[in-house]
Amino acid sequence: MKLLCRFALCIAAAAASSAQAQQSVAPAAPTDAAAPVPATRYESAFSGYQRYRDEKPAPWRDMNDAARDAGGHIGILRNATTRAAPGSGTHPAEHKK
């Protein structure tokens, strides 16, 4: 019964807020040339672009040893939470030391 009362209260609150929103200023007609228009702002799609930086790969022996110690490729996937984030500059072999 409490759940039904809470649900009814939420519906009533939503209806009241919807009624208030409908009572606000009516939008101007699309053909009205004097209608107010919100200001626009241009932001380039490349504004947050960061140039690619090539990372030095880890020595292949260290990477093979890390894969072996983790239990092969499946072990690495199981332990993915302990691996370094991409671009952090660290490698799984460095975590084993």
PDB file of N, CA and C in Angstrom:
ATOM      1  N   MET A   1       0.820  -1.191   0.000  1.00  0.00           N
ATOM      2  CA  MET A   1       0.000   0.000   0.000  1.00  0.00           C
ATOM      3  C   MET A   1       0.866   1.257   0.000  1.00  0.00           C
ATOM      4  N   LYS A   2       1.980   1.206   0.774  1.00  0.00           N
ATOM      5  CA  LYS A   2       2.876   2.355   0.807  1.00  0.00           C
ATOM      6  C   LYS A   2       3.459   2.629  -0.584  1.00  0.00           C
ATOM      7  N   LEU A   3       3.777   1.564  -1.286  1.00  0.00           N
ATOM      8  CA  LEU A   3       4.343   1.713  -2.620  1.00  0.00           C
ATOM      9  C   LEU A   3       3.339   2.387  -3.550  1.00  0.00           C
ATOM     10  N   LEU A   4       2.085   2.022  -3.447  1.00  0.00           N
ATOM     11  CA  LEU A   4       1.047   2.624  -4.281  1.00  0.00           C
ATOM     12  C   LEU A   4       0.869   4.106  -3.953  1.00  0.00           C
ATOM     13  N   CYS A   5       0.940   4.460  -2.671  1.00  0.00           N
ATOM     14  CA  CYS A   5       0.823   5.863  -2.270  1.00  0.00           C
ATOM     15  C   CYS A   5       2.002   6.680  -2.785  1.00  0.00           C
ATOM     16  N   ARG A   6       3.203   6.114  -2.702  1.00  0.00           N
ATOM     17  CA  ARG A   6       4.382   6.816  -3.209  1.00  0.00           C
ATOM     18  C   ARG A   6       4.293   7.022  -4.720  1.00  0.00           C
ATOM     19  N   PHE A   7       3.818   5.998  -5.417  1.00  0.00           N
ATOM     20  CA  PHE A   7       3.666   6.086  -6.868  1.00  0.00           C
ATOM     21  C   PHE A   7       2.661   7.171  -7.227  1.00  0.00           C
ATOM     22  N   ALA A   8       1.546   7.222  -6.525  1.00  0.00           N
ATOM     23  CA  ALA A   8       0.520   8.236  -6.789  1.00  0.00           C
ATOM     24  C   ALA A   8       1.062   9.633  -6.497  1.00  0.00           C
ATOM     25  N   LEU A   9       1.851   9.767  -5.439  1.00  0.00           N
ATOM     26  CA  LEU A   9       2.445  11.054  -5.100  1.00  0.00           C
ATOM     27  C   LEU A   9       3.422  11.510  -6.186  1.00  0.00           C
ATOM     28  N   CYS A  10       4.216  10.589  -6.714  1.00  0.00           N
ATOM     29  CA  CYS A  10       5.155  10.920  -7.798  1.00  0.00           C
ATOM     30  C   CYS A  10       4.402  11.343  -9.054  1.00  0.00           C
ATOM     31  N   ILE A  11       3.319  10.661  -9.371  1.00  0.00           N
ATOM     32  CA  ILE A  11       2.522  11.010 -10.551  1.00  0.00           C
ATOM     33  C   ILE A  11       1.915  12.406 -10.371  1.00  0.00           C
ATOM     34  N   ALA A  12       1.420  12.703  -9.185  1.00  0.00           N
ATOM     35  CA  ALA A  12       0.824  14.011  -8.923  1.00  0.00           C
ATOM     36  C   ALA A  12       1.875  15.119  -9.031  1.00  0.00           C
ATOM     37  N   ALA A  13       3.071  14.864  -8.524  1.00  0.00           N
ATOM     38  CA  ALA A  13       4.142  15.860  -8.598  1.00  0.00           C
ATOM     39  C   ALA A  13       4.565  16.091 -10.047  1.00  0.00           C
ATOM     40  N   ALA A  14       4.633  15.033 -10.827  1.00  0.00           N
ATOM     41  CA  ALA A  14       5.003  15.168 -12.233  1.00  0.00           C
ATOM     42  C   ALA A  14       3.936  15.940 -13.000  1.00  0.00           C
ATOM     43  N   ALA A  15       2.691  15.688 -12.705  1.00  0.00           N
ATOM     44  CA  ALA A  15       1.605  16.394 -13.379  1.00  0.00           C
ATOM     45  C   ALA A  15       1.625  17.880 -13.015  1.00  0.00           C
ATOM     46  N   ALA A  16       1.908  18.194 -11.757  1.00  0.00           N
ATOM     47  CA  ALA A  16       1.953  19.593 -11.330  1.00  0.00           C
ATOM     48  C   ALA A  16       3.104  20.332 -12.002  1.00  0.00           C
ATOM     49  N   SER A  17       4.266  19.702 -12.094  1.00  0.00           N
ATOM     50  CA  SER A  17       5.402  20.364 -12.738  1.00  0.00           C
ATOM     51  C   SER A  17       5.164  20.503 -14.234  1.00  0.00           C
ATOM     52  N   SER A  18       4.470  19.550 -14.826  1.00  0.00           N
ATOM     53  CA  SER A  18       4.146  19.633 -16.242  1.00  0.00           C
ATOM     54  C   SER A  18       3.164  20.777 -16.495  1.00  0.00           C
ATOM     55  N   ALA A  19       2.226  20.969 -15.601  1.00  0.00           N
ATOM     56  CA  ALA A  19       1.255  22.053 -15.754  1.00  0.00           C
ATOM     57  C   ALA A  19       1.949  23.408 -15.630  1.00  0.00           C
ATOM     58  N   GLN A  20       2.925  23.526 -14.735  1.00  0.00           N
ATOM     59  CA  GLN A  20       3.675  24.772 -14.590  1.00  0.00           C
ATOM     60  C   GLN A  20       4.494  25.060 -15.842  1.00  0.00           C
ATOM     61  N   ALA A  21       5.064  24.036 -16.426  1.00  0.00           N
ATOM     62  CA  ALA A  21       5.865  24.225 -17.629  1.00  0.00           C
ATOM     63  C   ALA A  21       4.993  24.687 -18.792  1.00  0.00           C
ATOM     64  N   GLN A  22       3.764  24.216 -18.860  1.00  0.00           N
ATOM     65  CA  GLN A  22       2.877  24.601 -19.950  1.00  0.00           C
ATOM     66  C   GLN A  22       2.374  26.025 -19.777  1.00  0.00           C
ATOM     67  N   GLN A  23       2.382  26.544 -18.561  1.00  0.00           N
ATOM     68  CA  GLN A  23       1.897  27.891 -18.322  1.00  0.00           C
ATOM     69  C   GLN A  23       2.966  28.940 -18.600  1.00  0.00           C
ATOM     70  N   SER A  24       4.184  28.533 -18.899  1.00  0.00           N
ATOM     71  CA  SER A  24       5.244  29.493 -19.170  1.00  0.00           C
ATOM     72  C   SER A  24       4.981  30.187 -20.508  1.00  0.00           C
ATOM     73  N   VAL A  25       5.879  31.063 -20.898  1.00  0.00           N
ATOM     74  CA  VAL A  25       5.719  31.872 -22.095  1.00  0.00           C
ATOM     75  C   VAL A  25       5.557  30.974 -23.312  1.00  0.00           C
ATOM     76  N   ALA A  26       4.553  31.291 -24.117  1.00  0.00           N
ATOM     77  CA  ALA A  26       4.312  30.518 -25.325  1.00  0.00           C
ATOM     78  C   ALA A  26       5.412  30.816 -26.338  1.00  0.00           C
ATOM     79  N   PRO A  27       5.859  29.820 -27.069  1.00  0.00           N
ATOM     80  CA  PRO A  27       6.919  30.058 -28.041  1.00  0.00           C
ATOM     81  C   PRO A  27       6.412  30.936 -29.188  1.00  0.00           C
ATOM     82  N   ALA A  28       7.314  31.691 -29.764  1.00  0.00           N
ATOM     83  CA  ALA A  28       6.956  32.566 -30.878  1.00  0.00           C
ATOM     84  C   ALA A  28       6.684  31.729 -32.117  1.00  0.00           C
ATOM     85  N   ALA A  29       5.911  32.287 -33.004  1.00  0.00           N
ATOM     86  CA  ALA A  29       5.596  31.603 -34.253  1.00  0.00           C
ATOM     87  C   ALA A  29       6.867  31.487 -35.090  1.00  0.00           C
ATOM     88  N   PRO A  30       7.061  30.389 -35.794  1.00  0.00           N
ATOM     89  CA  PRO A  30       8.266  30.216 -36.595  1.00  0.00           C
ATOM     90  C   PRO A  30       8.389  31.249 -37.717  1.00  0.00           C
ATOM     91  N   THR A  31       7.285  31.850 -38.125  1.00  0.00           N
ATOM     92  CA  THR A  31       7.322  32.827 -39.210  1.00  0.00           C
ATOM     93  C   THR A  31       7.560  34.243 -38.710  1.00  0.00           C
ATOM     94  N   ASP A  32       7.655  34.441 -37.376  1.00  0.00           N
ATOM     95  CA  ASP A  32       7.850  35.768 -36.799  1.00  0.00           C
ATOM     96  C   ASP A  32       9.329  36.145 -36.873  1.00  0.00           C
ATOM     97  N   ALA A  33       9.654  37.128 -37.726  1.00  0.00           N
ATOM     98  CA  ALA A  33      11.051  37.531 -37.908  1.00  0.00           C
ATOM     99  C   ALA A  33      11.587  38.281 -36.694  1.00  0.00           C
ATOM    100  N   ALA A  34      10.738  38.837 -35.876  1.00  0.00           N
ATOM    101  CA  ALA A  34      11.178  39.588 -34.708  1.00  0.00           C
ATOM    102  C   ALA A  34      11.249  38.724 -33.456  1.00  0.00           C
ATOM    103  N   ALA A  35      11.061  37.439 -33.579  1.00  0.00           N
ATOM    104  CA  ALA A  35      11.081  36.538 -32.426  1.00  0.00           C
ATOM    105  C   ALA A  35      12.491  36.483 -31.830  1.00  0.00           C
ATOM    106  N   PRO A  36      12.594  36.433 -30.507  1.00  0.00           N
ATOM    107  CA  PRO A  36      13.918  36.363 -29.884  1.00  0.00           C
ATOM    108  C   PRO A  36      14.573  35.006 -30.179  1.00  0.00           C
ATOM    109  N   VAL A  37      15.846  35.048 -30.405  1.00  0.00           N
ATOM    110  CA  VAL A  37      16.607  33.838 -30.725  1.00  0.00           C
ATOM    111  C   VAL A  37      17.732  33.700 -29.700  1.00  0.00           C
ATOM    112  N   PRO A  38      17.907  32.515 -29.131  1.00  0.00           N
ATOM    113  CA  PRO A  38      18.996  32.348 -28.165  1.00  0.00           C
ATOM    114  C   PRO A  38      20.351  32.529 -28.852  1.00  0.00           C
ATOM    115  N   ALA A  39      21.291  33.057 -28.117  1.00  0.00           N
ATOM    116  CA  ALA A  39      22.635  33.271 -28.655  1.00  0.00           C
ATOM    117  C   ALA A  39      23.294  31.934 -28.959  1.00  0.00           C
ATOM    118  N   THR A  40      24.067  31.904 -30.021  1.00  0.00           N
ATOM    119  CA  THR A  40      24.786  30.689 -30.383  1.00  0.00           C
ATOM    120  C   THR A  40      26.262  30.875 -30.096  1.00  0.00           C
ATOM    121  N   ARG A  41      26.928  29.766 -29.886  1.00  0.00           N
ATOM    122  CA  ARG A  41      28.359  29.804 -29.595  1.00  0.00           C
ATOM    123  C   ARG A  41      29.022  28.699 -30.391  1.00  0.00           C
ATOM    124  N   TYR A  42      30.070  29.021 -31.104  1.00  0.00           N
ATOM    125  CA  TYR A  42      30.788  28.039 -31.908  1.00  0.00           C
ATOM    126  C   TYR A  42      31.919  27.425 -31.100  1.00  0.00           C
ATOM    127  N   GLU A  43      32.000  26.113 -31.141  1.00  0.00           N
ATOM    128  CA  GLU A  43      33.121  25.415 -30.527  1.00  0.00           C
ATOM    129  C   GLU A  43      33.576  24.351 -31.505  1.00  0.00           C
ATOM    130  N   SER A  44      34.823  24.403 -31.882  1.00  0.00           N
ATOM    131  CA  SER A  44      35.363  23.469 -32.855  1.00  0.00           C
ATOM    132  C   SER A  44      35.344  22.045 -32.310  1.00  0.00           C
ATOM    133  N   ALA A  45      35.124  21.104 -33.197  1.00  0.00           N
ATOM    134  CA  ALA A  45      35.158  19.693 -32.804  1.00  0.00           C
ATOM    135  C   ALA A  45      36.572  19.267 -32.422  1.00  0.00           C
ATOM    136  N   PHE A  46      37.559  20.036 -32.840  1.00  0.00           N
ATOM    137  CA  PHE A  46      38.948  19.702 -32.554  1.00  0.00           C
ATOM    138  C   PHE A  46      39.516  20.500 -31.382  1.00  0.00           C
ATOM    139  N   SER A  47      38.702  21.180 -30.629  1.00  0.00           N
ATOM    140  CA  SER A  47      39.209  22.033 -29.552  1.00  0.00           C
ATOM    141  C   SER A  47      39.936  21.230 -28.466  1.00  0.00           C
ATOM    142  N   GLY A  48      39.544  20.004 -28.199  1.00  0.00           N
ATOM    143  CA  GLY A  48      40.195  19.194 -27.174  1.00  0.00           C
ATOM    144  C   GLY A  48      41.164  18.175 -27.741  1.00  0.00           C
ATOM    145  N   TYR A  49      41.515  18.334 -29.003  1.00  0.00           N
ATOM    146  CA  TYR A  49      42.384  17.365 -29.683  1.00  0.00           C
ATOM    147  C   TYR A  49      43.788  17.362 -29.088  1.00  0.00           C
ATOM    148  N   GLN A  50      44.297  16.168 -28.863  1.00  0.00           N
ATOM    149  CA  GLN A  50      45.678  16.030 -28.417  1.00  0.00           C
ATOM    150  C   GLN A  50      46.422  15.181 -29.433  1.00  0.00           C
ATOM    151  N   ARG A  51      47.556  15.635 -29.827  1.00  0.00           N
ATOM    152  CA  ARG A  51      48.352  14.958 -30.826  1.00  0.00           C
ATOM    153  C   ARG A  51      48.780  13.583 -30.327  1.00  0.00           C
ATOM    154  N   TYR A  52      48.804  12.599 -31.219  1.00  0.00           N
ATOM    155  CA  TYR A  52      49.235  11.249 -30.874  1.00  0.00           C
ATOM    156  C   TYR A  52      50.713  11.238 -30.515  1.00  0.00           C
ATOM    157  N   ARG A  53      51.033  10.581 -29.419  1.00  0.00           N
ATOM    158  CA  ARG A  53      52.420  10.441 -29.007  1.00  0.00           C
ATOM    159  C   ARG A  53      52.760   8.959 -28.981  1.00  0.00           C
ATOM    160  N   ASP A  54      53.724   8.580 -29.778  1.00  0.00           N
ATOM    161  CA  ASP A  54      54.138   7.186 -29.842  1.00  0.00           C
ATOM    162  C   ASP A  54      54.919   6.838 -28.584  1.00  0.00           C
ATOM    163  N   GLU A  55      54.564   5.728 -27.971  1.00  0.00           N
ATOM    164  CA  GLU A  55      55.243   5.299 -26.754  1.00  0.00           C
ATOM    165  C   GLU A  55      56.316   4.273 -27.095  1.00  0.00           C
ATOM    166  N   LYS A  56      57.370   4.306 -26.324  1.00  0.00           N
ATOM    167  CA  LYS A  56      58.432   3.337 -26.522  1.00  0.00           C
ATOM    168  C   LYS A  56      57.926   1.971 -26.041  1.00  0.00           C
ATOM    169  N   PRO A  57      58.008   0.943 -26.899  1.00  0.00           N
ATOM    170  CA  PRO A  57      57.512  -0.375 -26.467  1.00  0.00           C
ATOM    171  C   PRO A  57      58.424  -0.983 -25.405  1.00  0.00           C
ATOM    172  N   ALA A  58      57.836  -1.826 -24.593  1.00  0.00           N
ATOM    173  CA  ALA A  58      58.604  -2.518 -23.560  1.00  0.00           C
ATOM    174  C   ALA A  58      59.434  -3.616 -24.227  1.00  0.00           C
ATOM    175  N   PRO A  59      60.521  -4.011 -23.605  1.00  0.00           N
ATOM    176  CA  PRO A  59      61.319  -5.112 -24.160  1.00  0.00           C
ATOM    177  C   PRO A  59      60.475  -6.385 -24.268  1.00  0.00           C
ATOM    178  N   TRP A  60      60.620  -7.076 -25.391  1.00  0.00           N
ATOM    179  CA  TRP A  60      59.750  -8.215 -25.650  1.00  0.00           C
ATOM    180  C   TRP A  60      59.952  -9.335 -24.638  1.00  0.00           C
ATOM    181  N   ARG A  61      61.153  -9.500 -24.122  1.00  0.00           N
ATOM    182  CA  ARG A  61      61.366 -10.561 -23.124  1.00  0.00           C
ATOM    183  C   ARG A  61      60.579 -10.280 -21.847  1.00  0.00           C
ATOM    184  N   ASP A  62      60.573  -9.019 -21.420  1.00  0.00           N
ATOM    185  CA  ASP A  62      59.808  -8.661 -20.217  1.00  0.00           C
ATOM    186  C   ASP A  62      58.314  -8.908 -20.437  1.00  0.00           C
ATOM    187  N   MET A  63      57.832  -8.591 -21.628  1.00  0.00           N
ATOM    188  CA  MET A  63      56.410  -8.793 -21.916  1.00  0.00           C
ATOM    189  C   MET A  63      56.070 -10.288 -21.957  1.00  0.00           C
ATOM    190  N   ASN A  64      56.954 -11.092 -22.543  1.00  0.00           N
ATOM    191  CA  ASN A  64      56.727 -12.540 -22.561  1.00  0.00           C
ATOM    192  C   ASN A  64      56.742 -13.108 -21.144  1.00  0.00           C
ATOM    193  N   ASP A  65      57.670 -12.646 -20.318  1.00  0.00           N
ATOM    194  CA  ASP A  65      57.730 -13.107 -18.926  1.00  0.00           C
ATOM    195  C   ASP A  65      56.461 -12.705 -18.167  1.00  0.00           C
ATOM    196  N   ALA A  66      55.972 -11.495 -18.413  1.00  0.00           N
ATOM    197  CA  ALA A  66      54.750 -11.046 -17.741  1.00  0.00           C
ATOM    198  C   ALA A  66      53.561 -11.897 -18.168  1.00  0.00           C
ATOM    199  N   ALA A  67      53.482 -12.255 -19.452  1.00  0.00           N
ATOM    200  CA  ALA A  67      52.395 -13.103 -19.938  1.00  0.00           C
ATOM    201  C   ALA A  67      52.485 -14.498 -19.326  1.00  0.00           C
ATOM    202  N   ARG A  68      53.703 -15.027 -19.227  1.00  0.00           N
ATOM    203  CA  ARG A  68      53.894 -16.348 -18.616  1.00  0.00           C
ATOM    204  C   ARG A  68      53.486 -16.329 -17.142  1.00  0.00           C
ATOM    205  N   ASP A  69      53.932 -15.301 -16.409  1.00  0.00           N
ATOM    206  CA  ASP A  69      53.634 -15.210 -14.982  1.00  0.00           C
ATOM    207  C   ASP A  69      52.145 -15.027 -14.715  1.00  0.00           C
ATOM    208  N   ALA A  70      51.433 -14.417 -15.648  1.00  0.00           N
ATOM    209  CA  ALA A  70      50.002 -14.196 -15.463  1.00  0.00           C
ATOM    210  C   ALA A  70      49.182 -15.421 -15.845  1.00  0.00           C
ATOM    211  N   GLY A  71      49.818 -16.413 -16.460  1.00  0.00           N
ATOM    212  CA  GLY A  71      49.075 -17.599 -16.866  1.00  0.00           C
ATOM    213  C   GLY A  71      48.691 -17.552 -18.333  1.00  0.00           C
ATOM    214  N   GLY A  72      49.480 -16.906 -19.143  1.00  0.00           N
ATOM    215  CA  GLY A  72      49.192 -16.808 -20.573  1.00  0.00           C
ATOM    216  C   GLY A  72      48.255 -15.650 -20.861  1.00  0.00           C
ATOM    217  N   HIS A  73      47.778 -15.621 -22.100  1.00  0.00           N
ATOM    218  CA  HIS A  73      46.920 -14.514 -22.502  1.00  0.00           C
ATOM    219  C   HIS A  73      45.606 -14.503 -21.729  1.00  0.00           C
ATOM    220  N   ILE A  74      45.067 -15.657 -21.412  1.00  0.00           N
ATOM    221  CA  ILE A  74      43.827 -15.713 -20.633  1.00  0.00           C
ATOM    222  C   ILE A  74      44.061 -15.170 -19.233  1.00  0.00           C
ATOM    223  N   GLY A  75      45.208 -15.460 -18.651  1.00  0.00           N
ATOM    224  CA  GLY A  75      45.536 -14.927 -17.326  1.00  0.00           C
ATOM    225  C   GLY A  75      45.631 -13.410 -17.345  1.00  0.00           C
ATOM    226  N   ILE A  76      46.153 -12.856 -18.440  1.00  0.00           N
ATOM    227  CA  ILE A  76      46.232 -11.401 -18.554  1.00  0.00           C
ATOM    228  C   ILE A  76      44.839 -10.809 -18.617  1.00  0.00           C
ATOM    229  N   LEU A  77      43.938 -11.460 -19.349  1.00  0.00           N
ATOM    230  CA  LEU A  77      42.560 -10.957 -19.435  1.00  0.00           C
ATOM    231  C   LEU A  77      41.861 -11.049 -18.089  1.00  0.00           C
ATOM    232  N   ARG A  78      42.124 -12.094 -17.328  1.00  0.00           N
ATOM    233  CA  ARG A  78      41.514 -12.211 -15.996  1.00  0.00           C
ATOM    234  C   ARG A  78      42.025 -11.120 -15.067  1.00  0.00           C
ATOM    235  N   ASN A  79      43.301 -10.744 -15.219  1.00  0.00           N
ATOM    236  CA  ASN A  79      43.928  -9.747 -14.353  1.00  0.00           C
ATOM    237  C   ASN A  79      43.939  -8.374 -15.003  1.00  0.00           C
ATOM    238  N   ALA A  80      43.007  -8.096 -15.895  1.00  0.00           N
ATOM    239  CA  ALA A  80      43.003  -6.832 -16.641  1.00  0.00           C
ATOM    240  C   ALA A  80      42.871  -5.631 -15.716  1.00  0.00           C
ATOM    241  N   THR A  81      42.297  -5.810 -14.550  1.00  0.00           N
ATOM    242  CA  THR A  81      42.135  -4.673 -13.641  1.00  0.00           C
ATOM    243  C   THR A  81      43.462  -4.230 -13.040  1.00  0.00           C
ATOM    244  N   THR A  82      44.452  -5.112 -13.025  1.00  0.00           N
ATOM    245  CA  THR A  82      45.742  -4.737 -12.459  1.00  0.00           C
ATOM    246  C   THR A  82      46.687  -4.182 -13.513  1.00  0.00           C
ATOM    247  N   ARG A  83      46.285  -4.253 -14.774  1.00  0.00           N
ATOM    248  CA  ARG A  83      47.134  -3.724 -15.853  1.00  0.00           C
ATOM    249  C   ARG A  83      47.071  -2.215 -15.868  1.00  0.00           C
ATOM    250  N   ALA A  84      48.068  -1.614 -16.464  1.00  0.00           N
ATOM    251  CA  ALA A  84      48.146  -0.157 -16.549  1.00  0.00           C
ATOM    252  C   ALA A  84      47.141   0.360 -17.559  1.00  0.00           C
ATOM    253  N   ALA A  85      46.691   1.568 -17.340  1.00  0.00           N
ATOM    254  CA  ALA A  85      45.778   2.208 -18.281  1.00  0.00           C
ATOM    255  C   ALA A  85      46.531   2.575 -19.551  1.00  0.00           C
ATOM    256  N   PRO A  86      45.851   2.505 -20.721  1.00  0.00           N
ATOM    257  CA  PRO A  86      46.524   2.879 -21.963  1.00  0.00           C
ATOM    258  C   PRO A  86      47.031   4.314 -21.895  1.00  0.00           C
ATOM    259  N   GLY A  87      48.230   4.518 -22.367  1.00  0.00           N
ATOM    260  CA  GLY A  87      48.802   5.855 -22.393  1.00  0.00           C
ATOM    261  C   GLY A  87      49.459   6.276 -21.095  1.00  0.00           C
ATOM    262  N   SER A  88      49.487   5.388 -20.091  1.00  0.00           N
ATOM    263  CA  SER A  88      50.085   5.779 -18.817  1.00  0.00           C
ATOM    264  C   SER A  88      51.604   5.659 -18.835  1.00  0.00           C
ATOM    265  N   GLY A  89      52.142   4.960 -19.851  1.00  0.00           N
ATOM    266  CA  GLY A  89      53.577   4.827 -19.959  1.00  0.00           C
ATOM    267  C   GLY A  89      54.139   3.670 -19.165  1.00  0.00           C
ATOM    268  N   THR A  90      53.303   2.920 -18.460  1.00  0.00           N
ATOM    269  CA  THR A  90      53.773   1.756 -17.731  1.00  0.00           C
ATOM    270  C   THR A  90      53.259   0.506 -18.402  1.00  0.00           C
ATOM    271  N   HIS A  91      53.946  -0.590 -18.169  1.00  0.00           N
ATOM    272  CA  HIS A  91      53.589  -1.860 -18.787  1.00  0.00           C
ATOM    273  C   HIS A  91      53.384  -2.892 -17.692  1.00  0.00           C
ATOM    274  N   PRO A  92      52.627  -3.973 -18.005  1.00  0.00           N
ATOM    275  CA  PRO A  92      52.388  -5.006 -16.993  1.00  0.00           C
ATOM    276  C   PRO A  92      53.666  -5.609 -16.438  1.00  0.00           C
ATOM    277  N   ALA A  93      54.733  -5.665 -17.256  1.00  0.00           N
ATOM    278  CA  ALA A  93      55.984  -6.243 -16.765  1.00  0.00           C
ATOM    279  C   ALA A  93      56.549  -5.420 -15.617  1.00  0.00           C
ATOM    280  N   GLU A  94      56.280  -4.120 -15.605  1.00  0.00           N
ATOM    281  CA  GLU A  94      56.792  -3.266 -14.550  1.00  0.00           C
ATOM    282  C   GLU A  94      56.031  -3.487 -13.244  1.00  0.00           C
ATOM    283  N   HIS A  95      54.810  -4.005 -13.319  1.00  0.00           N
ATOM    284  CA  HIS A  95      54.027  -4.249 -12.105  1.00  0.00           C
ATOM    285  C   HIS A  95      54.495  -5.491 -11.361  1.00  0.00           C
ATOM    286  N   LYS A  96      55.149  -6.411 -12.077  1.00  0.00           N
ATOM    287  CA  LYS A  96      55.571  -7.662 -11.461  1.00  0.00           C
ATOM    288  C   LYS A  96      56.841  -7.488 -10.635  1.00  0.00           C
ATOM    289  N   LYS A  97      57.587  -6.454 -10.891  1.00  0.00           N
ATOM    290  CA  LYS A  97      58.884  -6.282 -10.218  1.00  0.00           C
ATOM    291  C   LYS A  97      58.700  -5.798  -8.806  1.00  0.00           C
TER     292      LYS A  97
END
